[in-house]
Amino acid sequence: MKKVIYPVFLVSIMLLGACSDKQSRQKPSANYPLETVDISDHTLKAEYAASVKGCQTVEIRPQVEGLLTQICIREGDAVHKGQVLFEIDPAQFQAAYDVACANVMSSEAAVSTARLVLDSNEELYRENIISDFEVNTAKNELAAAEARLALAKAELEKAATNLSYTQVKSPVDGVASMIPFRAGALVSPNIASPLVTVSDDDDVYAYFSLSEKQMLDMVAKYGSLKNTISQMPEVEFRMSNNELYPVKGHIDAVSGVIDRSTGAVSVRAVFPNPDRLLREGSTGTVVIPYDYKDCIVIPQSATYELQEKTFVYKVVDGKATSAEIKILPQSNGYQYIVTDGLAKGDVIVSEGAGLIKEGTEIITNTDKQ
């Protein structure tokens, strides 16, 4: 009987094929970080992008046309209500005021003369020297003179107002913005840019948006929109340098209209600003705390979404088993609060859930030992 001798390379191929077939029958396994579900109290802080505005921001514009002769403030100065900010050449307005004063004096003299004529004519009429026509004519002259006087006084008031407008004053307390004009510039009520903007920033408003669903969930929690505003906890403001603003604020207004294009609701929080740290145009995020008792908190990295549903992978008998969960809409960007689908003691994969397949063997610390 002949012995069959297989070449070495053929034997090697057969052995490799057997190993490969054995490995293909083994289930894949992986080492993922795990977390044991627990129940605890938790404060979830949700952040919303916000922009800052002063409680009152006023664009200062001239009321009359003329040359800007003096700028009385520096850019960024704190200004007070009634303070003179700019001066406009008053020459033409002073002249108009003087003319109006003269017209008033002339009209007053005309009224006095007309009254004397009327008194004289009435005396002559009683003595039957003149007819009632002359008396009525004198009365009409007096009425016309009084009308001219009223017109002259109105012109004087207008001239005085225009003259006062040559001193541009601040209508509010606040902080001045940059000034785009310099002395000698011709300004008028129709200029495109204001002379300066004064922002009252003793308190500042931070405007941000919530989705319609988030707003409805908040209203459902507190019972009504009015209760939502009054019972919401104090909020914080994270500035653009990622530092928390040292003073807390509160939500004081919610828009009654939903933006049709975004489906969002505009919300306003007010913050005291004693040190003028926040300025008109600042940006940051409003941080709203949500306190929950006896809840389950998991990292967002432990979840994945499928057909608008949220799932996690539980570790059951050493294998990854998907489980649908229900979560609260509020989120801080890296954690979820679970309302259904998990229980205390469950072990879940805490990272990389989107990369795991159903039935994957999960290597635990016990497996390593």
Protein backbone atom coordinates (compact mmCIF):
# COMPACT_ATOMS: atom_id res chain seq x y z
CA MET A 1 0.00 0.00 0.00
CA LYS A 2 1.34 3.38 -0.98
CA LYS A 3 1.73 6.11 1.55
CA VAL A 4 0.24 9.41 0.55
CA ILE A 5 2.65 12.18 1.21
CA TYR A 6 1.19 15.67 1.30
CA PRO A 7 3.43 18.60 0.58
CA VAL A 8 4.23 20.75 3.57
CA PHE A 9 2.51 23.81 2.08
CA LEU A 10 -0.70 21.81 1.52
CA VAL A 11 -0.75 20.70 5.14
CA SER A 12 -0.28 24.27 6.23
CA ILE A 13 -3.21 25.41 4.10
CA MET A 14 -5.43 22.70 5.59
CA LEU A 15 -4.47 23.66 9.14
CA LEU A 16 -5.09 27.35 8.47
CA GLY A 17 -8.46 26.53 6.94
CA ALA A 18 -9.44 24.50 10.00
CA CYS A 19 -8.45 27.35 12.33
CA SER A 20 -10.32 29.85 10.20
CA ASP A 21 -13.44 27.71 10.22
CA LYS A 22 -13.23 27.37 14.00
CA GLN A 23 -12.86 31.12 14.47
CA SER A 24 -15.82 31.83 12.17
CA ARG A 25 -18.03 29.72 14.39
CA GLN A 26 -17.01 31.75 17.48
CA LYS A 27 -19.15 34.78 18.38
CA PRO A 28 -17.39 38.15 18.33
CA SER A 29 -16.42 39.59 21.68
CA ALA A 30 -15.33 43.04 22.75
CA ASN A 31 -14.18 44.97 25.77
CA TYR A 32 -16.48 47.95 26.49
CA PRO A 33 -16.79 50.14 29.58
CA LEU A 34 -19.76 49.10 31.69
CA GLU A 35 -21.92 50.86 34.22
CA THR A 36 -24.26 49.53 36.87
CA VAL A 37 -27.55 51.39 36.98
CA ASP A 38 -28.33 53.10 40.28
CA ILE A 39 -31.05 55.41 41.62
CA SER A 40 -30.17 58.81 43.07
CA ASP A 41 -31.15 62.48 43.25
CA HIS A 42 -29.73 64.49 40.40
CA THR A 43 -29.60 68.06 39.17
CA LEU A 44 -29.54 68.24 35.40
CA LYS A 45 -28.23 71.51 33.99
CA ALA A 46 -29.40 72.31 30.48
CA GLU A 47 -27.63 75.04 28.51
CA TYR A 48 -29.14 77.28 25.85
CA ALA A 49 -27.28 79.70 23.59
CA ALA A 50 -28.20 83.29 24.49
CA SER A 51 -27.54 86.88 23.48
CA VAL A 52 -27.44 89.80 25.90
CA LYS A 53 -29.22 93.13 25.63
CA GLY A 54 -29.49 96.03 28.04
CA CYS A 55 -32.83 96.44 29.74
CA GLN A 56 -33.23 99.68 27.79
CA THR A 57 -31.22 100.50 24.70
CA VAL A 58 -31.79 103.86 23.04
CA GLU A 59 -30.40 105.13 19.74
CA ILE A 60 -29.60 108.82 20.12
CA ARG A 61 -30.35 110.79 16.94
CA PRO A 62 -30.40 114.56 16.30
CA GLN A 63 -33.78 116.26 16.07
CA VAL A 64 -32.50 119.15 13.97
CA GLU A 65 -30.02 119.57 11.13
CA GLY A 66 -26.71 121.32 11.68
CA LEU A 67 -22.98 121.06 12.21
CA LEU A 68 -21.79 118.99 15.15
CA THR A 69 -19.72 121.46 17.15
CA GLN A 70 -18.88 119.46 20.27
CA ILE A 71 -18.89 115.88 21.51
CA CYS A 72 -19.29 116.00 25.28
CA ILE A 73 -18.65 112.36 26.15
CA ARG A 74 -16.11 109.67 25.42
CA GLU A 75 -16.95 106.33 23.94
CA GLY A 76 -17.88 103.82 26.64
CA ASP A 77 -18.64 106.48 29.26
CA ALA A 78 -21.40 106.01 31.80
CA VAL A 79 -23.99 108.71 31.14
CA HIS A 80 -26.98 109.96 33.09
CA LYS A 81 -30.48 110.92 32.10
CA GLY A 82 -30.55 114.55 30.95
CA GLN A 83 -26.76 114.76 30.42
CA VAL A 84 -25.65 116.70 27.33
CA LEU A 85 -23.95 114.31 24.91
CA PHE A 86 -23.52 116.46 21.78
CA GLU A 87 -23.87 120.09 20.77
CA ILE A 88 -25.04 121.26 17.35
CA ASP A 89 -24.27 124.76 16.03
CA PRO A 90 -27.14 126.85 17.53
CA ALA A 91 -26.65 130.04 15.46
CA GLN A 92 -29.56 129.64 13.03
CA PHE A 93 -31.86 128.32 15.76
CA GLN A 94 -30.96 131.17 18.11
CA ALA A 95 -31.77 133.64 15.34
CA ALA A 96 -35.12 131.95 14.70
CA TYR A 97 -35.85 132.12 18.42
CA ASP A 98 -35.04 135.82 18.56
CA VAL A 99 -37.32 136.51 15.57
CA ALA A 100 -40.11 134.53 17.24
CA CYS A 101 -39.69 136.54 20.44
CA ALA A 102 -39.95 139.78 18.49
CA ASN A 103 -43.07 138.55 16.71
CA VAL A 104 -44.69 137.76 20.05
CA MET A 105 -43.93 141.22 21.36
CA SER A 106 -45.30 142.82 18.19
CA SER A 107 -48.45 140.69 18.36
CA GLU A 108 -48.99 141.57 22.01
CA ALA A 109 -48.77 145.28 21.12
CA ALA A 110 -51.27 144.77 18.28
CA VAL A 111 -53.69 143.05 20.65
CA SER A 112 -53.36 145.90 23.14
CA THR A 113 -54.05 148.46 20.39
CA ALA A 114 -57.03 146.52 19.09
CA ARG A 115 -58.49 146.32 22.58
CA LEU A 116 -58.14 150.10 23.05
CA VAL A 117 -59.88 150.72 19.73
CA LEU A 118 -62.71 148.39 20.69
CA ASP A 119 -63.18 150.10 24.08
CA SER A 120 -63.27 153.52 22.42
CA ASN A 121 -65.75 152.43 19.77
CA GLU A 122 -68.04 150.88 22.35
CA GLU A 123 -68.07 154.20 24.26
CA LEU A 124 -68.86 156.12 21.06
CA TYR A 125 -71.55 153.61 20.17
CA ARG A 126 -73.26 154.13 23.53
CA GLU A 127 -73.33 157.85 22.78
CA ASN A 128 -74.84 157.13 19.35
CA ILE A 129 -71.86 158.71 17.62
CA ILE A 130 -70.95 155.63 15.56
CA SER A 131 -72.92 152.71 14.27
CA ASP A 132 -72.69 149.10 15.39
CA PHE A 133 -70.72 148.35 12.20
CA GLU A 134 -67.67 150.17 13.59
CA VAL A 135 -68.03 148.33 16.90
CA ASN A 136 -68.21 144.92 15.24
CA THR A 137 -65.27 145.79 13.02
CA ALA A 138 -63.19 146.65 16.11
CA LYS A 139 -64.19 143.36 17.72
CA ASN A 140 -63.02 141.45 14.64
CA GLU A 141 -59.74 143.35 14.61
CA LEU A 142 -59.16 142.38 18.23
CA ALA A 143 -59.96 138.73 17.49
CA ALA A 144 -57.54 138.74 14.54
CA ALA A 145 -54.82 140.35 16.65
CA GLU A 146 -55.30 137.72 19.38
CA ALA A 147 -55.07 134.97 16.77
CA ARG A 148 -51.82 136.42 15.42
CA LEU A 149 -50.51 136.52 18.98
CA ALA A 150 -51.40 132.85 19.52
CA LEU A 151 -49.62 131.98 16.27
CA ALA A 152 -46.56 133.99 17.30
CA LYS A 153 -46.45 132.21 20.66
CA ALA A 154 -46.66 128.83 18.91
CA GLU A 155 -43.79 129.82 16.62
CA LEU A 156 -41.82 130.94 19.66
CA GLU A 157 -42.42 127.59 21.37
CA LYS A 158 -41.31 125.77 18.23
CA ALA A 159 -38.19 127.93 17.95
CA ALA A 160 -37.38 127.34 21.62
CA THR A 161 -37.78 123.57 21.13
CA ASN A 162 -35.52 123.56 18.07
CA LEU A 163 -32.95 125.62 19.97
CA SER A 164 -33.04 123.12 22.84
CA TYR A 165 -32.45 120.30 20.36
CA THR A 166 -29.02 121.75 19.60
CA GLN A 167 -28.01 120.17 22.90
CA VAL A 168 -28.49 116.45 22.40
CA LYS A 169 -29.23 114.90 25.79
CA SER A 170 -29.49 111.31 27.01
CA PRO A 171 -33.05 110.20 27.80
CA VAL A 172 -31.83 107.36 30.05
CA ASP A 173 -29.02 106.30 32.35
CA GLY A 174 -26.62 103.89 30.72
CA VAL A 175 -23.35 103.31 28.91
CA ALA A 176 -22.40 104.99 25.63
CA SER A 177 -21.45 102.96 22.58
CA MET A 178 -18.85 103.87 19.96
CA ILE A 179 -19.42 107.24 18.26
CA PRO A 180 -19.28 107.18 14.43
CA PHE A 181 -19.26 111.00 14.08
CA ARG A 182 -16.69 113.69 14.83
CA ALA A 183 -16.94 117.42 15.48
CA GLY A 184 -17.65 119.30 12.25
CA ALA A 185 -19.86 116.62 10.74
CA LEU A 186 -23.20 117.67 9.27
CA VAL A 187 -25.96 115.72 10.98
CA SER A 188 -29.72 115.60 10.60
CA PRO A 189 -32.70 113.55 11.79
CA ASN A 190 -32.34 111.38 8.68
CA ILE A 191 -28.79 110.10 9.30
CA ALA A 192 -28.39 106.35 8.77
CA SER A 193 -26.44 105.70 11.98
CA PRO A 194 -27.31 107.13 15.39
CA LEU A 195 -24.95 109.61 17.01
CA VAL A 196 -24.50 107.09 19.81
CA THR A 197 -26.39 104.25 21.46
CA VAL A 198 -26.99 104.38 25.20
CA SER A 199 -27.65 101.07 26.90
CA ASP A 200 -29.09 100.90 30.39
CA ASP A 201 -27.29 97.84 31.75
CA ASP A 202 -27.93 98.00 35.50
CA ASP A 203 -29.83 94.83 34.65
CA VAL A 204 -29.37 92.89 31.43
CA TYR A 205 -31.64 90.55 29.50
CA ALA A 206 -30.39 87.22 28.13
CA TYR A 207 -32.58 86.02 25.26
CA PHE A 208 -32.63 82.33 24.32
CA SER A 209 -35.00 79.84 22.71
CA LEU A 210 -36.78 76.67 23.78
CA SER A 211 -38.46 74.23 21.45
CA GLU A 212 -42.23 74.09 21.55
CA LYS A 213 -42.02 70.59 23.07
CA GLN A 214 -39.66 71.74 25.82
CA MET A 215 -41.99 74.61 26.67
CA LEU A 216 -45.04 72.34 26.76
CA ASP A 217 -43.18 69.89 29.02
CA MET A 218 -42.29 72.73 31.40
CA VAL A 219 -45.87 73.98 31.46
CA ALA A 220 -47.08 70.43 32.14
CA LYS A 221 -44.64 70.18 35.06
CA TYR A 222 -45.62 73.47 36.71
CA GLY A 223 -49.30 73.61 35.73
CA SER A 224 -49.42 76.82 33.71
CA LEU A 225 -47.18 79.29 31.92
CA LYS A 226 -47.59 81.78 34.77
CA ASN A 227 -46.56 79.16 37.31
CA THR A 228 -43.65 78.13 35.09
CA ILE A 229 -42.25 81.67 35.15
CA SER A 230 -42.81 82.15 38.89
CA GLN A 231 -41.61 78.71 40.04
CA MET A 232 -38.63 78.18 37.76
CA PRO A 233 -35.37 78.00 39.74
CA GLU A 234 -32.68 80.65 39.47
CA VAL A 235 -30.62 80.39 36.32
CA GLU A 236 -26.94 80.97 35.60
CA PHE A 237 -25.11 82.54 32.69
CA ARG A 238 -21.99 81.03 31.18
CA MET A 239 -19.99 83.75 29.47
CA SER A 240 -18.15 83.39 26.17
CA ASN A 241 -14.88 82.67 28.03
CA ASN A 242 -16.62 79.61 29.55
CA GLU A 243 -16.66 81.20 33.01
CA LEU A 244 -19.87 81.35 35.01
CA TYR A 245 -21.20 84.87 35.60
CA PRO A 246 -21.03 85.41 39.38
CA VAL A 247 -24.62 86.62 39.81
CA LYS A 248 -27.64 84.40 39.24
CA GLY A 249 -30.75 85.57 37.41
CA HIS A 250 -34.28 84.43 36.80
CA ILE A 251 -36.64 83.89 33.88
CA ASP A 252 -39.10 86.75 33.72
CA ALA A 253 -40.80 86.49 30.32
CA VAL A 254 -41.82 83.94 27.71
CA SER A 255 -42.98 84.92 24.24
CA GLY A 256 -46.64 84.32 23.51
CA VAL A 257 -45.82 83.51 19.88
CA ILE A 258 -44.06 80.47 18.42
CA ASP A 259 -41.69 81.20 15.55
CA ARG A 260 -43.20 79.44 12.54
CA SER A 261 -39.87 79.02 10.78
CA THR A 262 -38.03 77.39 13.71
CA GLY A 263 -40.82 76.14 15.98
CA ALA A 264 -39.04 77.82 18.89
CA VAL A 265 -40.29 79.99 21.74
CA SER A 266 -38.28 83.04 22.77
CA VAL A 267 -37.50 83.22 26.50
CA ARG A 268 -35.93 86.05 28.50
CA ALA A 269 -33.87 85.84 31.67
CA VAL A 270 -32.84 88.93 33.62
CA PHE A 271 -29.52 89.26 35.47
CA PRO A 272 -28.34 92.04 37.81
CA ASN A 273 -25.22 93.68 36.39
CA PRO A 274 -23.69 95.78 39.18
CA ASP A 275 -20.12 95.61 37.84
CA ARG A 276 -21.12 96.16 34.18
CA LEU A 277 -19.45 92.86 33.29
CA LEU A 278 -22.14 91.99 30.76
CA ARG A 279 -22.61 94.40 27.87
CA GLU A 280 -25.08 94.90 25.08
CA GLY A 281 -24.30 92.34 22.37
CA SER A 282 -22.54 89.84 24.66
CA THR A 283 -23.12 86.15 23.97
CA GLY A 284 -23.07 83.06 26.14
CA THR A 285 -25.35 80.33 27.42
CA VAL A 286 -28.17 80.35 29.95
CA VAL A 287 -27.86 77.41 32.35
CA ILE A 288 -31.16 76.11 33.75
CA PRO A 289 -31.04 73.54 36.60
CA TYR A 290 -33.65 70.79 36.75
CA ASP A 291 -33.86 68.91 40.08
CA TYR A 292 -35.05 65.29 40.04
CA LYS A 293 -35.54 62.89 42.96
CA ASP A 294 -34.94 59.12 42.86
CA CYS A 295 -34.05 58.98 39.19
CA ILE A 296 -31.80 56.96 36.89
CA VAL A 297 -29.09 58.92 35.08
CA ILE A 298 -27.03 57.45 32.25
CA PRO A 299 -24.48 58.94 29.85
CA GLN A 300 -25.69 59.78 26.36
CA SER A 301 -22.79 57.72 25.01
CA ALA A 302 -24.61 54.65 26.34
CA THR A 303 -27.53 55.19 23.96
CA TYR A 304 -28.29 54.98 20.29
CA GLU A 305 -31.37 55.96 18.30
CA LEU A 306 -33.37 53.90 15.85
CA GLN A 307 -36.57 55.09 14.20
CA GLU A 308 -36.88 57.98 16.68
CA LYS A 309 -36.60 55.58 19.62
CA THR A 310 -33.77 55.44 22.16
CA PHE A 311 -32.00 52.19 23.06
CA VAL A 312 -29.22 50.96 25.33
CA TYR A 313 -27.36 47.67 25.47
CA LYS A 314 -27.84 45.71 28.67
CA VAL A 315 -25.30 43.05 29.51
CA VAL A 316 -27.32 39.84 30.01
CA ASP A 317 -25.41 36.58 30.52
CA GLY A 318 -22.30 38.27 29.13
CA LYS A 319 -23.96 39.36 25.92
CA ALA A 320 -25.18 42.73 24.64
CA THR A 321 -28.97 42.85 24.60
CA SER A 322 -30.71 45.92 23.24
CA ALA A 323 -33.44 47.53 25.34
CA GLU A 324 -35.67 50.48 24.51
CA ILE A 325 -35.75 53.24 27.12
CA LYS A 326 -37.79 56.39 27.73
CA ILE A 327 -35.95 59.60 28.60
CA LEU A 328 -36.87 63.10 29.72
CA PRO A 329 -36.61 65.83 27.05
CA GLN A 330 -34.32 67.93 29.25
CA SER A 331 -30.64 67.21 28.69
CA ASN A 332 -27.31 68.80 29.56
CA GLY A 333 -25.71 67.50 26.38
CA TYR A 334 -24.01 64.44 27.88
CA GLN A 335 -26.53 62.79 30.23
CA TYR A 336 -30.10 61.49 30.07
CA ILE A 337 -32.61 60.86 32.82
CA VAL A 338 -34.36 57.54 32.18
CA THR A 339 -38.04 57.21 33.06
CA ASP A 340 -38.64 53.67 31.80
CA GLY A 341 -36.73 50.68 30.47
CA LEU A 342 -34.00 50.35 33.12
CA ALA A 343 -33.97 49.24 36.74
CA LYS A 344 -31.52 49.50 39.59
CA GLY A 345 -28.78 46.90 39.22
CA ASP A 346 -28.94 46.61 35.45
CA VAL A 347 -25.52 46.59 33.80
CA ILE A 348 -25.25 48.59 30.58
CA VAL A 349 -22.53 49.43 28.09
CA SER A 350 -21.66 53.03 28.92
CA GLU A 351 -19.76 53.95 25.74
CA GLY A 352 -19.82 52.98 22.10
CA ALA A 353 -23.41 51.70 22.00
CA GLY A 354 -23.70 52.67 18.36
CA LEU A 355 -20.85 50.32 17.42
CA ILE A 356 -22.18 47.17 19.10
CA LYS A 357 -24.26 44.45 17.49
CA GLU A 358 -26.98 42.45 19.17
CA GLY A 359 -25.51 39.39 20.90
CA THR A 360 -21.95 40.68 21.04
CA GLU A 361 -20.08 39.01 23.89
CA ILE A 362 -18.97 41.68 26.34
CA ILE A 363 -15.71 41.10 28.15
CA THR A 364 -16.08 42.03 31.82
CA ASN A 365 -13.44 42.25 34.51
CA THR A 366 -14.46 38.77 35.64
CA ASP A 367 -13.87 37.48 32.13
CA LYS A 368 -10.37 38.95 32.17
CA GLN A 369 -9.53 37.17 35.39
